[in-house]
Amino acid sequence: MTTTAKMHVIQFNELPDISEVDPVSEKERGCLEAVRQVIDAHGCITRFGVTLLHNHFHLAEDEILVETSNSEDRSLVSPPAQDKRG
């Protein structure tokens, strides 16, 4: 099974570079635990999660980031592609 998600330049370029992101602090661990408890209380612990927002490179104005996962070959790739919305 293959699934695809798209992220547009306005979303992606505003994120800090991975080299500028601090490790999770003890204060943030408390926040994450509180979020986990809320997700769990709603019975969604196996459906939703949290990710550290960052980027590894900037996208050009006419690009989007296209994430494709393939469960058969256990791959996840996120290459930039031309935005065909015109």
Protein backbone atom coordinates (compact mmCIF):
# COMPACT_ATOMS: atom_id res chain seq x y z
CA MET A 1 0.00 0.00 0.00
CA THR A 2 1.31 3.45 -0.94
CA THR A 3 0.11 6.70 0.64
CA THR A 4 1.04 10.28 -0.22
CA ALA A 5 0.90 13.58 1.70
CA LYS A 6 1.90 17.05 0.48
CA MET A 7 3.40 20.03 2.32
CA HIS A 8 3.52 23.44 0.66
CA VAL A 9 6.42 25.91 0.82
CA ILE A 10 4.62 28.36 3.12
CA GLN A 11 4.29 25.63 5.76
CA PHE A 12 7.70 24.06 5.39
CA ASN A 13 10.13 26.97 5.04
CA GLU A 14 8.95 28.60 8.27
CA LEU A 15 10.12 25.61 10.32
CA PRO A 16 13.56 25.81 11.97
CA ASP A 17 16.43 23.83 10.49
CA ILE A 18 17.05 20.54 12.28
CA SER A 19 20.48 21.84 13.40
CA GLU A 20 18.74 24.71 15.24
CA VAL A 21 16.25 22.57 17.16
CA ASP A 22 17.08 21.97 20.82
CA PRO A 23 16.58 18.54 22.38
CA VAL A 24 13.31 18.04 24.23
CA SER A 25 13.54 19.65 27.68
CA GLU A 26 12.12 18.34 30.94
CA LYS A 27 9.42 21.05 30.80
CA GLU A 28 8.47 19.90 27.30
CA ARG A 29 8.40 16.27 28.46
CA GLY A 30 5.67 17.28 30.91
CA CYS A 31 3.72 18.92 28.09
CA LEU A 32 4.09 15.84 25.90
CA GLU A 33 2.94 13.60 28.73
CA ALA A 34 -0.16 15.79 29.20
CA VAL A 35 -0.90 15.55 25.46
CA ARG A 36 -0.45 11.77 25.63
CA GLN A 37 -2.93 11.57 28.50
CA VAL A 38 -5.54 13.56 26.56
CA ILE A 39 -5.09 11.41 23.45
CA ASP A 40 -5.30 8.27 25.56
CA ALA A 41 -8.40 9.52 27.42
CA HIS A 42 -10.15 9.87 24.06
CA GLY A 43 -9.16 6.36 23.00
CA CYS A 44 -6.95 7.62 20.19
CA ILE A 45 -3.51 6.59 21.45
CA THR A 46 -2.92 4.29 18.47
CA ARG A 47 -4.17 6.85 15.95
CA PHE A 48 -2.49 10.18 16.77
CA GLY A 49 1.01 11.22 17.78
CA VAL A 50 3.33 14.20 18.06
CA THR A 51 6.34 15.04 15.91
CA LEU A 52 9.16 17.55 16.27
CA LEU A 53 8.62 20.23 13.64
CA HIS A 54 11.75 21.04 11.62
CA ASN A 55 13.13 21.06 8.08
CA HIS A 56 16.32 19.88 6.42
CA PHE A 57 16.25 22.25 3.42
CA HIS A 58 14.12 25.05 1.99
CA LEU A 59 11.66 24.58 -0.83
CA ALA A 60 11.52 26.90 -3.83
CA GLU A 61 8.34 28.92 -4.31
CA ASP A 62 7.19 26.52 -7.05
CA GLU A 63 7.87 23.32 -5.08
CA ILE A 64 5.95 21.15 -2.66
CA LEU A 65 7.26 18.40 -0.41
CA VAL A 66 5.65 15.08 -1.32
CA GLU A 67 5.87 12.33 1.29
CA THR A 68 5.20 8.82 0.05
CA SER A 69 5.20 5.73 2.20
CA ASN A 70 5.18 2.17 0.92
CA SER A 71 4.37 -0.49 3.47
CA GLU A 72 5.40 -3.31 1.15
CA ASP A 73 9.03 -2.23 0.86
CA ARG A 74 9.01 -0.36 4.20
CA SER A 75 10.07 2.96 2.73
CA LEU A 76 9.23 6.59 3.46
CA VAL A 77 10.55 9.28 1.11
CA SER A 78 9.90 13.03 1.02
CA PRO A 79 11.34 14.55 -2.18
CA PRO A 80 10.53 18.07 -3.38
CA ALA A 81 8.44 18.22 -6.56
CA GLN A 82 7.12 20.93 -8.86
CA ASP A 83 3.79 22.31 -7.66
CA LYS A 84 1.44 21.64 -10.54
CA ARG A 85 -1.38 23.78 -9.19
CA GLY A 86 -0.19 26.56 -11.53
